[in-house]
Amino acid sequence: MSDAGEGLVDAEARLQEQMDEREQERRRRAAGGGVKNPERERALASLRLARTQLEQQLRGNPHPVRRQQIELAIKDLEKRFESV
């Protein structure tokens, strides 16, 4: 009989853990941390990646005309960041 009693205690503990997790999730959503626009997040990640790649190209390129093109592209990306 002690095994059955332990199973009941384990089930109650799991139930309490689930309730606690749901309460934490509810609080997180109420705080505003849970609702994000996935399309906006994807666009921002894409812009960050593009900027990183352009900055790497800028560091490794000695040609002045290409450097100017890259700098203009970076400025354009910064404008896009503001609009997203």
Protein backbone atom coordinates (compact mmCIF):
# COMPACT_ATOMS: atom_id res chain seq x y z
CA MET A 1 0.00 0.00 0.00
CA SER A 2 2.84 2.39 0.50
CA ASP A 3 3.56 2.34 -3.24
CA ALA A 4 0.05 3.51 -4.04
CA GLY A 5 0.34 6.29 -1.47
CA GLU A 6 3.65 7.42 -2.96
CA GLY A 7 2.08 7.49 -6.42
CA LEU A 8 -0.69 9.72 -5.14
CA VAL A 9 1.83 12.07 -3.55
CA ASP A 10 3.83 12.14 -6.81
CA ALA A 11 0.69 12.90 -8.81
CA GLU A 12 -0.20 15.74 -6.45
CA ALA A 13 3.33 17.13 -6.71
CA ARG A 14 3.18 17.04 -10.54
CA LEU A 15 -0.21 18.72 -10.50
CA GLN A 16 1.12 21.46 -8.22
CA GLU A 17 4.14 21.96 -10.51
CA GLN A 18 1.85 22.32 -13.53
CA MET A 19 -0.30 24.82 -11.71
CA ASP A 20 2.79 26.81 -10.70
CA GLU A 21 4.09 26.80 -14.29
CA ARG A 22 0.77 28.02 -15.62
CA GLU A 23 0.67 30.78 -13.02
CA GLN A 24 4.19 31.88 -13.98
CA GLU A 25 3.24 31.89 -17.65
CA ARG A 26 0.14 33.95 -16.90
CA ARG A 27 2.19 36.48 -14.94
CA ARG A 28 4.79 36.68 -17.71
CA ARG A 29 2.09 37.39 -20.28
CA ALA A 30 0.47 39.98 -18.03
CA ALA A 31 3.84 41.73 -17.70
CA GLY A 32 3.96 42.09 -21.50
CA GLY A 33 6.85 39.71 -22.07
CA GLY A 34 4.87 37.06 -23.86
CA VAL A 35 3.26 38.84 -26.78
CA LYS A 36 5.68 39.62 -29.60
CA ASN A 37 5.24 40.06 -33.29
CA PRO A 38 7.12 37.14 -34.90
CA GLU A 39 7.26 38.87 -38.28
CA ARG A 40 8.88 41.95 -36.72
CA GLU A 41 11.35 39.79 -34.80
CA ARG A 42 12.29 37.96 -38.01
CA ALA A 43 12.79 41.24 -39.87
CA LEU A 44 14.99 42.63 -37.09
CA ALA A 45 17.10 39.47 -37.00
CA SER A 46 17.55 39.67 -40.76
CA LEU A 47 18.63 43.32 -40.57
CA ARG A 48 21.08 42.55 -37.75
CA LEU A 49 22.63 39.77 -39.80
CA ALA A 50 22.94 42.00 -42.87
CA ARG A 51 24.58 44.75 -40.83
CA THR A 52 27.06 42.30 -39.31
CA GLN A 53 27.99 40.99 -42.74
CA LEU A 54 28.44 44.51 -44.14
CA GLU A 55 30.60 45.54 -41.18
CA GLN A 56 32.83 42.52 -41.78
CA GLN A 57 33.14 43.44 -45.46
CA LEU A 58 33.98 47.01 -44.50
CA ARG A 59 36.80 45.90 -42.22
CA GLY A 60 38.32 43.66 -44.87
CA ASN A 61 38.04 45.91 -47.91
CA PRO A 62 40.78 48.46 -48.67
CA HIS A 63 39.16 49.83 -51.88
CA PRO A 64 37.76 53.33 -51.16
CA VAL A 65 34.82 53.17 -53.59
CA ARG A 66 33.64 49.81 -52.24
CA ARG A 67 34.05 51.08 -48.68
CA GLN A 68 31.81 54.03 -49.53
CA GLN A 69 29.19 51.69 -51.01
CA ILE A 70 29.25 49.53 -47.88
CA GLU A 71 28.95 52.57 -45.61
CA LEU A 72 25.90 53.76 -47.59
CA ALA A 73 24.37 50.29 -47.30
CA ILE A 74 24.89 50.33 -43.53
CA LYS A 75 23.19 53.74 -43.30
CA ASP A 76 20.27 52.36 -45.30
CA LEU A 77 19.99 49.43 -42.90
CA GLU A 78 19.91 51.81 -39.94
CA LYS A 79 16.98 53.64 -41.54
CA ARG A 80 15.20 50.32 -42.01
CA PHE A 81 15.76 49.50 -38.31
CA GLU A 82 13.90 52.68 -37.39
CA SER A 83 10.94 51.81 -39.62
CA VAL A 84 10.52 48.24 -38.36
